[in-house]
PDB file of N, CA and C in Angstrom:
ATOM      1  N   MET A   1       5.444  -6.038   8.334  1.00  0.00           N
ATOM      2  CA  MET A   1       4.361  -5.385   7.607  1.00  0.00           C
ATOM      3  C   MET A   1       3.288  -6.432   7.304  1.00  0.00           C
ATOM      4  N   PRO A   2       2.040  -6.170   7.669  1.00  0.00           N
ATOM      5  CA  PRO A   2       0.972  -7.126   7.355  1.00  0.00           C
ATOM      6  C   PRO A   2       0.811  -7.285   5.837  1.00  0.00           C
ATOM      7  N   GLU A   3       0.536  -8.514   5.434  1.00  0.00           N
ATOM      8  CA  GLU A   3       0.305  -8.794   4.013  1.00  0.00           C
ATOM      9  C   GLU A   3      -1.168  -9.105   3.782  1.00  0.00           C
ATOM     10  N   VAL A   4      -1.662  -8.677   2.638  1.00  0.00           N
ATOM     11  CA  VAL A   4      -3.008  -9.033   2.210  1.00  0.00           C
ATOM     12  C   VAL A   4      -2.890  -9.861   0.940  1.00  0.00           C
ATOM     13  N   THR A   5      -3.962 -10.587   0.628  1.00  0.00           N
ATOM     14  CA  THR A   5      -3.983 -11.471  -0.538  1.00  0.00           C
ATOM     15  C   THR A   5      -5.233 -11.193  -1.361  1.00  0.00           C
ATOM     16  N   ASP A   6      -5.305 -11.846  -2.513  1.00  0.00           N
ATOM     17  CA  ASP A   6      -6.523 -11.750  -3.317  1.00  0.00           C
ATOM     18  C   ASP A   6      -7.741 -12.152  -2.492  1.00  0.00           C
ATOM     19  N   GLU A   7      -7.564 -13.175  -1.629  1.00  0.00           N
ATOM     20  CA  GLU A   7      -8.683 -13.709  -0.865  1.00  0.00           C
ATOM     21  C   GLU A   7      -9.183 -12.752   0.218  1.00  0.00           C
ATOM     22  N   ASP A   8      -8.288 -12.006   0.860  1.00  0.00           N
ATOM     23  CA  ASP A   8      -8.751 -11.149   1.951  1.00  0.00           C
ATOM     24  C   ASP A   8      -8.676  -9.651   1.642  1.00  0.00           C
ATOM     25  N   PHE A   9      -8.382  -9.291   0.398  1.00  0.00           N
ATOM     26  CA  PHE A   9      -8.269  -7.883   0.026  1.00  0.00           C
ATOM     27  C   PHE A   9      -9.567  -7.124   0.314  1.00  0.00           C
ATOM     28  N   ALA A  10     -10.687  -7.710  -0.042  1.00  0.00           N
ATOM     29  CA  ALA A  10     -11.974  -7.023   0.162  1.00  0.00           C
ATOM     30  C   ALA A  10     -12.227  -6.739   1.634  1.00  0.00           C
ATOM     31  N   SER A  11     -11.973  -7.703   2.503  1.00  0.00           N
ATOM     32  CA  SER A  11     -12.251  -7.484   3.921  1.00  0.00           C
ATOM     33  C   SER A  11     -11.201  -6.605   4.592  1.00  0.00           C
ATOM     34  N   GLU A  12      -9.932  -6.779   4.226  1.00  0.00           N
ATOM     35  CA  GLU A  12      -8.847  -6.053   4.891  1.00  0.00           C
ATOM     36  C   GLU A  12      -8.639  -4.635   4.357  1.00  0.00           C
ATOM     37  N   VAL A  13      -8.953  -4.402   3.088  1.00  0.00           N
ATOM     38  CA  VAL A  13      -8.701  -3.090   2.470  1.00  0.00           C
ATOM     39  C   VAL A  13     -10.009  -2.380   2.134  1.00  0.00           C
ATOM     40  N   ILE A  14     -10.819  -2.993   1.303  1.00  0.00           N
ATOM     41  CA  ILE A  14     -12.069  -2.358   0.870  1.00  0.00           C
ATOM     42  C   ILE A  14     -12.998  -2.111   2.051  1.00  0.00           C
ATOM     43  N   GLY A  15     -13.056  -3.060   2.974  1.00  0.00           N
ATOM     44  CA  GLY A  15     -13.955  -2.937   4.114  1.00  0.00           C
ATOM     45  C   GLY A  15     -13.354  -2.286   5.348  1.00  0.00           C
ATOM     46  N   ALA A  16     -12.143  -1.783   5.251  1.00  0.00           N
ATOM     47  CA  ALA A  16     -11.468  -1.192   6.413  1.00  0.00           C
ATOM     48  C   ALA A  16     -12.114   0.128   6.818  1.00  0.00           C
ATOM     49  N   GLU A  17     -12.134   0.367   8.116  1.00  0.00           N
ATOM     50  CA  GLU A  17     -12.676   1.628   8.622  1.00  0.00           C
ATOM     51  C   GLU A  17     -11.692   2.775   8.432  1.00  0.00           C
ATOM     52  N   LEU A  18     -10.410   2.485   8.551  1.00  0.00           N
ATOM     53  CA  LEU A  18      -9.367   3.500   8.356  1.00  0.00           C
ATOM     54  C   LEU A  18      -8.965   3.564   6.882  1.00  0.00           C
ATOM     55  N   PRO A  19      -8.364   4.664   6.453  1.00  0.00           N
ATOM     56  CA  PRO A  19      -7.721   4.655   5.145  1.00  0.00           C
ATOM     57  C   PRO A  19      -6.616   3.594   5.146  1.00  0.00           C
ATOM     58  N   VAL A  20      -6.391   2.968   3.997  1.00  0.00           N
ATOM     59  CA  VAL A  20      -5.395   1.905   3.888  1.00  0.00           C
ATOM     60  C   VAL A  20      -4.401   2.257   2.793  1.00  0.00           C
ATOM     61  N   LEU A  21      -3.116   2.202   3.134  1.00  0.00           N
ATOM     62  CA  LEU A  21      -2.042   2.349   2.157  1.00  0.00           C
ATOM     63  C   LEU A  21      -1.603   0.941   1.787  1.00  0.00           C
ATOM     64  N   VAL A  22      -1.779   0.569   0.522  1.00  0.00           N
ATOM     65  CA  VAL A  22      -1.367  -0.742   0.031  1.00  0.00           C
ATOM     66  C   VAL A  22      -0.108  -0.570  -0.801  1.00  0.00           C
ATOM     67  N   GLU A  23       0.937  -1.308  -0.433  1.00  0.00           N
ATOM     68  CA  GLU A  23       2.128  -1.359  -1.274  1.00  0.00           C
ATOM     69  C   GLU A  23       2.032  -2.627  -2.113  1.00  0.00           C
ATOM     70  N   PHE A  24       1.946  -2.451  -3.422  1.00  0.00           N
ATOM     71  CA  PHE A  24       2.016  -3.574  -4.347  1.00  0.00           C
ATOM     72  C   PHE A  24       3.506  -3.835  -4.549  1.00  0.00           C
ATOM     73  N   THR A  25       3.959  -5.023  -4.148  1.00  0.00           N
ATOM     74  CA  THR A  25       5.377  -5.302  -4.031  1.00  0.00           C
ATOM     75  C   THR A  25       5.720  -6.665  -4.608  1.00  0.00           C
ATOM     76  N   ALA A  26       7.017  -6.947  -4.683  1.00  0.00           N
ATOM     77  CA  ALA A  26       7.504  -8.263  -5.121  1.00  0.00           C
ATOM     78  C   ALA A  26       8.845  -8.522  -4.450  1.00  0.00           C
ATOM     79  N   ASP A  27       9.116  -9.802  -4.170  1.00  0.00           N
ATOM     80  CA  ASP A  27      10.378 -10.170  -3.530  1.00  0.00           C
ATOM     81  C   ASP A  27      11.594  -9.762  -4.358  1.00  0.00           C
ATOM     82  N   TRP A  28      11.458  -9.769  -5.676  1.00  0.00           N
ATOM     83  CA  TRP A  28      12.582  -9.493  -6.570  1.00  0.00           C
ATOM     84  C   TRP A  28      12.808  -7.998  -6.812  1.00  0.00           C
ATOM     85  N   CYS A  29      12.045  -7.147  -6.150  1.00  0.00           N
ATOM     86  CA  CYS A  29      12.063  -5.699  -6.416  1.00  0.00           C
ATOM     87  C   CYS A  29      12.938  -4.959  -5.401  1.00  0.00           C
ATOM     88  N   PRO A  30      14.159  -4.514  -5.791  1.00  0.00           N
ATOM     89  CA  PRO A  30      15.023  -3.784  -4.851  1.00  0.00           C
ATOM     90  C   PRO A  30      14.391  -2.506  -4.282  1.00  0.00           C
ATOM     91  N   PRO A  31      13.717  -1.673  -5.080  1.00  0.00           N
ATOM     92  CA  PRO A  31      13.094  -0.481  -4.481  1.00  0.00           C
ATOM     93  C   PRO A  31      12.010  -0.838  -3.457  1.00  0.00           C
ATOM     94  N   CYS A  32      11.362  -1.981  -3.646  1.00  0.00           N
ATOM     95  CA  CYS A  32      10.353  -2.423  -2.675  1.00  0.00           C
ATOM     96  C   CYS A  32      11.020  -2.746  -1.343  1.00  0.00           C
ATOM     97  N   ARG A  33      12.142  -3.444  -1.401  1.00  0.00           N
ATOM     98  CA  ARG A  33      12.874  -3.759  -0.171  1.00  0.00           C
ATOM     99  C   ARG A  33      13.368  -2.479   0.503  1.00  0.00           C
ATOM    100  N   GLN A  34      13.747  -1.504  -0.296  1.00  0.00           N
ATOM    101  CA  GLN A  34      14.197  -0.204   0.228  1.00  0.00           C
ATOM    102  C   GLN A  34      13.074   0.494   0.991  1.00  0.00           C
ATOM    103  N   MET A  35      11.838   0.279   0.567  1.00  0.00           N
ATOM    104  CA  MET A  35      10.702   0.955   1.198  1.00  0.00           C
ATOM    105  C   MET A  35      10.238   0.287   2.486  1.00  0.00           C
ATOM    106  N   ALA A  36      10.660  -0.936   2.758  1.00  0.00           N
ATOM    107  CA  ALA A  36      10.181  -1.670   3.931  1.00  0.00           C
ATOM    108  C   ALA A  36      10.361  -0.896   5.237  1.00  0.00           C
ATOM    109  N   PRO A  37      11.558  -0.364   5.544  1.00  0.00           N
ATOM    110  CA  PRO A  37      11.679   0.377   6.802  1.00  0.00           C
ATOM    111  C   PRO A  37      10.882   1.688   6.809  1.00  0.00           C
ATOM    112  N   VAL A  38      10.749   2.306   5.665  1.00  0.00           N
ATOM    113  CA  VAL A  38       9.964   3.545   5.556  1.00  0.00           C
ATOM    114  C   VAL A  38       8.504   3.257   5.884  1.00  0.00           C
ATOM    115  N   LEU A  39       7.968   2.182   5.309  1.00  0.00           N
ATOM    116  CA  LEU A  39       6.564   1.847   5.542  1.00  0.00           C
ATOM    117  C   LEU A  39       6.328   1.387   6.972  1.00  0.00           C
ATOM    118  N   SER A  40       7.270   0.643   7.531  1.00  0.00           N
ATOM    119  CA  SER A  40       7.137   0.217   8.930  1.00  0.00           C
ATOM    120  C   SER A  40       7.099   1.415   9.867  1.00  0.00           C
ATOM    121  N   ALA A  41       7.977   2.371   9.627  1.00  0.00           N
ATOM    122  CA  ALA A  41       8.004   3.578  10.454  1.00  0.00           C
ATOM    123  C   ALA A  41       6.717   4.384  10.286  1.00  0.00           C
ATOM    124  N   LEU A  42       6.269   4.523   9.057  1.00  0.00           N
ATOM    125  CA  LEU A  42       5.037   5.265   8.792  1.00  0.00           C
ATOM    126  C   LEU A  42       3.846   4.588   9.470  1.00  0.00           C
ATOM    127  N   ALA A  43       3.782   3.267   9.382  1.00  0.00           N
ATOM    128  CA  ALA A  43       2.681   2.526  10.011  1.00  0.00           C
ATOM    129  C   ALA A  43       2.671   2.754  11.515  1.00  0.00           C
ATOM    130  N   ALA A  44       3.837   2.746  12.136  1.00  0.00           N
ATOM    131  CA  ALA A  44       3.912   2.967  13.587  1.00  0.00           C
ATOM    132  C   ALA A  44       3.510   4.391  13.951  1.00  0.00           C
ATOM    133  N   GLU A  45       3.964   5.358  13.166  1.00  0.00           N
ATOM    134  CA  GLU A  45       3.666   6.764  13.453  1.00  0.00           C
ATOM    135  C   GLU A  45       2.196   7.112  13.210  1.00  0.00           C
ATOM    136  N   GLU A  46       1.572   6.437  12.273  1.00  0.00           N
ATOM    137  CA  GLU A  46       0.185   6.756  11.905  1.00  0.00           C
ATOM    138  C   GLU A  46      -0.820   5.737  12.437  1.00  0.00           C
ATOM    139  N   GLU A  47      -0.406   4.913  13.396  1.00  0.00           N
ATOM    140  CA  GLU A  47      -1.296   3.908  13.959  1.00  0.00           C
ATOM    141  C   GLU A  47      -2.568   4.579  14.477  1.00  0.00           C
ATOM    142  N   GLY A  48      -3.700   3.988  14.110  1.00  0.00           N
ATOM    143  CA  GLY A  48      -4.985   4.556  14.496  1.00  0.00           C
ATOM    144  C   GLY A  48      -5.526   5.560  13.502  1.00  0.00           C
ATOM    145  N   ARG A  49      -4.695   5.960  12.563  1.00  0.00           N
ATOM    146  CA  ARG A  49      -5.089   6.931  11.537  1.00  0.00           C
ATOM    147  C   ARG A  49      -4.975   6.345  10.127  1.00  0.00           C
ATOM    148  N   LEU A  50      -4.025   5.407   9.946  1.00  0.00           N
ATOM    149  CA  LEU A  50      -3.741   4.816   8.635  1.00  0.00           C
ATOM    150  C   LEU A  50      -3.321   3.372   8.838  1.00  0.00           C
ATOM    151  N   LYS A  51      -3.875   2.488   8.032  1.00  0.00           N
ATOM    152  CA  LYS A  51      -3.471   1.085   8.016  1.00  0.00           C
ATOM    153  C   LYS A  51      -2.528   0.912   6.826  1.00  0.00           C
ATOM    154  N   VAL A  52      -1.402   0.227   7.039  1.00  0.00           N
ATOM    155  CA  VAL A  52      -0.414   0.017   5.982  1.00  0.00           C
ATOM    156  C   VAL A  52      -0.244  -1.479   5.773  1.00  0.00           C
ATOM    157  N   VAL A  53      -0.411  -1.948   4.527  1.00  0.00           N
ATOM    158  CA  VAL A  53      -0.288  -3.369   4.207  1.00  0.00           C
ATOM    159  C   VAL A  53       0.486  -3.541   2.904  1.00  0.00           C
ATOM    160  N   GLN A  54       0.926  -4.774   2.669  1.00  0.00           N
ATOM    161  CA  GLN A  54       1.615  -5.122   1.429  1.00  0.00           C
ATOM    162  C   GLN A  54       0.822  -6.192   0.700  1.00  0.00           C
ATOM    163  N   LEU A  55       0.927  -6.189  -0.627  1.00  0.00           N
ATOM    164  CA  LEU A  55       0.344  -7.231  -1.450  1.00  0.00           C
ATOM    165  C   LEU A  55       1.407  -7.683  -2.442  1.00  0.00           C
ATOM    166  N   ASP A  56       1.754  -8.966  -2.400  1.00  0.00           N
ATOM    167  CA  ASP A  56       2.741  -9.535  -3.318  1.00  0.00           C
ATOM    168  C   ASP A  56       2.086  -9.712  -4.681  1.00  0.00           C
ATOM    169  N   VAL A  57       2.588  -8.998  -5.681  1.00  0.00           N
ATOM    170  CA  VAL A  57       1.956  -9.015  -6.997  1.00  0.00           C
ATOM    171  C   VAL A  57       2.056 -10.375  -7.684  1.00  0.00           C
ATOM    172  N   ASP A  58       3.144 -11.099  -7.439  1.00  0.00           N
ATOM    173  CA  ASP A  58       3.315 -12.403  -8.085  1.00  0.00           C
ATOM    174  C   ASP A  58       2.349 -13.440  -7.514  1.00  0.00           C
ATOM    175  N   ALA A  59       2.091 -13.382  -6.231  1.00  0.00           N
ATOM    176  CA  ALA A  59       1.210 -14.347  -5.574  1.00  0.00           C
ATOM    177  C   ALA A  59      -0.261 -13.961  -5.652  1.00  0.00           C
ATOM    178  N   ASN A  60      -0.543 -12.718  -6.055  1.00  0.00           N
ATOM    179  CA  ASN A  60      -1.918 -12.202  -6.047  1.00  0.00           C
ATOM    180  C   ASN A  60      -2.254 -11.475  -7.342  1.00  0.00           C
ATOM    181  N   PRO A  61      -2.292 -12.202  -8.457  1.00  0.00           N
ATOM    182  CA  PRO A  61      -2.519 -11.552  -9.750  1.00  0.00           C
ATOM    183  C   PRO A  61      -3.918 -10.962  -9.917  1.00  0.00           C
ATOM    184  N   GLY A  62      -4.905 -11.492  -9.215  1.00  0.00           N
ATOM    185  CA  GLY A  62      -6.267 -10.974  -9.369  1.00  0.00           C
ATOM    186  C   GLY A  62      -6.377  -9.521  -8.966  1.00  0.00           C
ATOM    187  N   THR A  63      -5.922  -9.201  -7.771  1.00  0.00           N
ATOM    188  CA  THR A  63      -5.977  -7.821  -7.282  1.00  0.00           C
ATOM    189  C   THR A  63      -5.032  -6.937  -8.081  1.00  0.00           C
ATOM    190  N   THR A  64      -3.855  -7.451  -8.372  1.00  0.00           N
ATOM    191  CA  THR A  64      -2.865  -6.691  -9.145  1.00  0.00           C
ATOM    192  C   THR A  64      -3.450  -6.280 -10.488  1.00  0.00           C
ATOM    193  N   ASN A  65      -4.083  -7.207 -11.182  1.00  0.00           N
ATOM    194  CA  ASN A  65      -4.682  -6.911 -12.486  1.00  0.00           C
ATOM    195  C   ASN A  65      -5.907  -6.013 -12.367  1.00  0.00           C
ATOM    196  N   ALA A  66      -6.699  -6.220 -11.318  1.00  0.00           N
ATOM    197  CA  ALA A  66      -7.911  -5.411 -11.137  1.00  0.00           C
ATOM    198  C   ALA A  66      -7.587  -3.928 -11.009  1.00  0.00           C
ATOM    199  N   TYR A  67      -6.453  -3.624 -10.383  1.00  0.00           N
ATOM    200  CA  TYR A  67      -6.066  -2.227 -10.195  1.00  0.00           C
ATOM    201  C   TYR A  67      -4.993  -1.774 -11.185  1.00  0.00           C
ATOM    202  N   LYS A  68      -4.755  -2.602 -12.209  1.00  0.00           N
ATOM    203  CA  LYS A  68      -3.854  -2.255 -13.316  1.00  0.00           C
ATOM    204  C   LYS A  68      -2.458  -1.844 -12.844  1.00  0.00           C
ATOM    205  N   VAL A  69      -1.934  -2.584 -11.877  1.00  0.00           N
ATOM    206  CA  VAL A  69      -0.599  -2.313 -11.350  1.00  0.00           C
ATOM    207  C   VAL A  69       0.424  -2.925 -12.287  1.00  0.00           C
ATOM    208  N   LEU A  70       1.329  -2.096 -12.809  1.00  0.00           N
ATOM    209  CA  LEU A  70       2.339  -2.547 -13.757  1.00  0.00           C
ATOM    210  C   LEU A  70       3.760  -2.361 -13.253  1.00  0.00           C
ATOM    211  N   SER A  71       3.967  -1.477 -12.297  1.00  0.00           N
ATOM    212  CA  SER A  71       5.314  -1.171 -11.793  1.00  0.00           C
ATOM    213  C   SER A  71       5.350  -1.353 -10.287  1.00  0.00           C
ATOM    214  N   MET A  72       6.522  -1.736  -9.801  1.00  0.00           N
ATOM    215  CA  MET A  72       6.701  -1.901  -8.375  1.00  0.00           C
ATOM    216  C   MET A  72       7.821  -1.001  -7.880  1.00  0.00           C
ATOM    217  N   PRO A  73       7.675  -0.424  -6.701  1.00  0.00           N
ATOM    218  CA  PRO A  73       6.459  -0.492  -5.901  1.00  0.00           C
ATOM    219  C   PRO A  73       5.413   0.497  -6.386  1.00  0.00           C
ATOM    220  N   THR A  74       4.174   0.080  -6.313  1.00  0.00           N
ATOM    221  CA  THR A  74       3.038   0.975  -6.508  1.00  0.00           C
ATOM    222  C   THR A  74       2.344   1.088  -5.160  1.00  0.00           C
ATOM    223  N   PHE A  75       2.015   2.307  -4.793  1.00  0.00           N
ATOM    224  CA  PHE A  75       1.298   2.565  -3.543  1.00  0.00           C
ATOM    225  C   PHE A  75      -0.084   3.079  -3.902  1.00  0.00           C
ATOM    226  N   MET A  76      -1.098   2.488  -3.291  1.00  0.00           N
ATOM    227  CA  MET A  76      -2.463   2.950  -3.486  1.00  0.00           C
ATOM    228  C   MET A  76      -3.097   3.182  -2.133  1.00  0.00           C
ATOM    229  N   VAL A  77      -3.761   4.318  -2.018  1.00  0.00           N
ATOM    230  CA  VAL A  77      -4.497   4.623  -0.793  1.00  0.00           C
ATOM    231  C   VAL A  77      -5.972   4.388  -1.075  1.00  0.00           C
ATOM    232  N   PHE A  78      -6.589   3.591  -0.206  1.00  0.00           N
ATOM    233  CA  PHE A  78      -8.014   3.308  -0.287  1.00  0.00           C
ATOM    234  C   PHE A  78      -8.692   3.965   0.904  1.00  0.00           C
ATOM    235  N   ARG A  79      -9.764   4.671   0.614  1.00  0.00           N
ATOM    236  CA  ARG A  79     -10.572   5.295   1.661  1.00  0.00           C
ATOM    237  C   ARG A  79     -12.031   5.014   1.328  1.00  0.00           C
ATOM    238  N   ASP A  80     -12.776   4.545   2.307  1.00  0.00           N
ATOM    239  CA  ASP A  80     -14.183   4.189   2.109  1.00  0.00           C
ATOM    240  C   ASP A  80     -14.353   3.216   0.945  1.00  0.00           C
ATOM    241  N   GLY A  81     -13.397   2.285   0.829  1.00  0.00           N
ATOM    242  CA  GLY A  81     -13.486   1.238  -0.183  1.00  0.00           C
ATOM    243  C   GLY A  81     -13.058   1.628  -1.581  1.00  0.00           C
ATOM    244  N   GLN A  82     -12.615   2.853  -1.773  1.00  0.00           N
ATOM    245  CA  GLN A  82     -12.252   3.333  -3.107  1.00  0.00           C
ATOM    246  C   GLN A  82     -10.794   3.777  -3.148  1.00  0.00           C
ATOM    247  N   PRO A  83     -10.109   3.522  -4.267  1.00  0.00           N
ATOM    248  CA  PRO A  83      -8.757   4.064  -4.400  1.00  0.00           C
ATOM    249  C   PRO A  83      -8.828   5.579  -4.595  1.00  0.00           C
ATOM    250  N   VAL A  84      -8.093   6.315  -3.775  1.00  0.00           N
ATOM    251  CA  VAL A  84      -8.138   7.782  -3.841  1.00  0.00           C
ATOM    252  C   VAL A  84      -6.787   8.388  -4.208  1.00  0.00           C
ATOM    253  N   ARG A  85      -5.739   7.579  -4.220  1.00  0.00           N
ATOM    254  CA  ARG A  85      -4.409   8.089  -4.583  1.00  0.00           C
ATOM    255  C   ARG A  85      -3.569   6.919  -5.034  1.00  0.00           C
ATOM    256  N   SER A  86      -2.766   7.130  -6.065  1.00  0.00           N
ATOM    257  CA  SER A  86      -1.840   6.114  -6.552  1.00  0.00           C
ATOM    258  C   SER A  86      -0.497   6.778  -6.808  1.00  0.00           C
ATOM    259  N   MET A  87       0.572   6.104  -6.366  1.00  0.00           N
ATOM    260  CA  MET A  87       1.930   6.626  -6.526  1.00  0.00           C
ATOM    261  C   MET A  87       2.828   5.462  -6.938  1.00  0.00           C
ATOM    262  N   VAL A  88       3.779   5.722  -7.792  1.00  0.00           N
ATOM    263  CA  VAL A  88       4.684   4.677  -8.266  1.00  0.00           C
ATOM    264  C   VAL A  88       6.118   5.061  -7.945  1.00  0.00           C
ATOM    265  N   GLY A  89       6.864   4.106  -7.392  1.00  0.00           N
ATOM    266  CA  GLY A  89       8.289   4.299  -7.152  1.00  0.00           C
ATOM    267  C   GLY A  89       8.625   4.580  -5.701  1.00  0.00           C
ATOM    268  N   ALA A  90       9.851   4.218  -5.354  1.00  0.00           N
ATOM    269  CA  ALA A  90      10.351   4.460  -3.998  1.00  0.00           C
ATOM    270  C   ALA A  90      10.476   5.959  -3.754  1.00  0.00           C
ATOM    271  N   ARG A  91      10.318   6.337  -2.489  1.00  0.00           N
ATOM    272  CA  ARG A  91      10.414   7.744  -2.110  1.00  0.00           C
ATOM    273  C   ARG A  91      10.756   7.820  -0.626  1.00  0.00           C
ATOM    274  N   PRO A  92      11.350   8.927  -0.211  1.00  0.00           N
ATOM    275  CA  PRO A  92      11.640   9.101   1.214  1.00  0.00           C
ATOM    276  C   PRO A  92      10.344   9.228   2.021  1.00  0.00           C
ATOM    277  N   LYS A  93      10.433   8.913   3.300  1.00  0.00           N
ATOM    278  CA  LYS A  93       9.253   8.951   4.169  1.00  0.00           C
ATOM    279  C   LYS A  93       8.624  10.344   4.189  1.00  0.00           C
ATOM    280  N   ARG A  94       9.437  11.369   4.226  1.00  0.00           N
ATOM    281  CA  ARG A  94       8.897  12.739   4.266  1.00  0.00           C
ATOM    282  C   ARG A  94       8.015  13.022   3.056  1.00  0.00           C
ATOM    283  N   ARG A  95       8.493  12.628   1.874  1.00  0.00           N
ATOM    284  CA  ARG A  95       7.712  12.865   0.652  1.00  0.00           C
ATOM    285  C   ARG A  95       6.440  12.017   0.652  1.00  0.00           C
ATOM    286  N   LEU A  96       6.557  10.762   1.069  1.00  0.00           N
ATOM    287  CA  LEU A  96       5.386   9.895   1.126  1.00  0.00           C
ATOM    288  C   LEU A  96       4.345  10.472   2.080  1.00  0.00           C
ATOM    289  N   ARG A  97       4.778  10.930   3.222  1.00  0.00           N
ATOM    290  CA  ARG A  97       3.859  11.538   4.195  1.00  0.00           C
ATOM    291  C   ARG A  97       3.164  12.759   3.587  1.00  0.00           C
ATOM    292  N   GLU A  98       3.907  13.610   2.892  1.00  0.00           N
ATOM    293  CA  GLU A  98       3.312  14.788   2.253  1.00  0.00           C
ATOM    294  C   GLU A  98       2.260  14.383   1.229  1.00  0.00           C
ATOM    295  N   GLU A  99       2.548  13.342   0.459  1.00  0.00           N
ATOM    296  CA  GLU A  99       1.607  12.889  -0.577  1.00  0.00           C
ATOM    297  C   GLU A  99       0.348  12.262   0.027  1.00  0.00           C
ATOM    298  N   LEU A 100       0.456  11.782   1.244  1.00  0.00           N
ATOM    299  CA  LEU A 100      -0.668  11.153   1.911  1.00  0.00           C
ATOM    300  C   LEU A 100      -1.537  12.135   2.697  1.00  0.00           C
ATOM    301  N   GLU A 101      -0.965  13.230   3.090  1.00  0.00           N
ATOM    302  CA  GLU A 101      -1.617  14.133   4.039  1.00  0.00           C
ATOM    303  C   GLU A 101      -3.027  14.551   3.608  1.00  0.00           C
ATOM    304  N   ASP A 102      -3.224  14.877   2.359  1.00  0.00           N
ATOM    305  CA  ASP A 102      -4.539  15.369   1.937  1.00  0.00           C
ATOM    306  C   ASP A 102      -5.584  14.264   1.761  1.00  0.00           C
ATOM    307  N   VAL A 103      -5.170  12.990   1.796  1.00  0.00           N
ATOM    308  CA  VAL A 103      -6.152  11.916   1.667  1.00  0.00           C
ATOM    309  C   VAL A 103      -6.444  11.221   2.992  1.00  0.00           C
ATOM    310  N   LEU A 104      -5.775  11.648   4.052  1.00  0.00           N
ATOM    311  CA  LEU A 104      -6.026  11.038   5.375  1.00  0.00           C
ATOM    312  C   LEU A 104      -7.096  11.780   6.137  1.00  0.00           C
TER     313      LEU A 104
END
């Protein structure tokens, strides 16, 4: 899964042409690790329609604080540079896909 940082968040997420699903994650977060295969599969299935990236909250406090992320995993969808959906907690791929459908 591609990772973004405080330094490249603006270019990789805000400036992206496609909608971007950002997982705010941490190495110490078991539900985040549980979501890794789900997000990888989703990224492969939605290639060309959705960009999927991760941001480590511990290594990137600027972006984490800017978007008021307090729980992991937090998923945020950005479209045209703006956050349009936020979801907290692990979920099955089917449910995640349903929650994303109206913002893609």
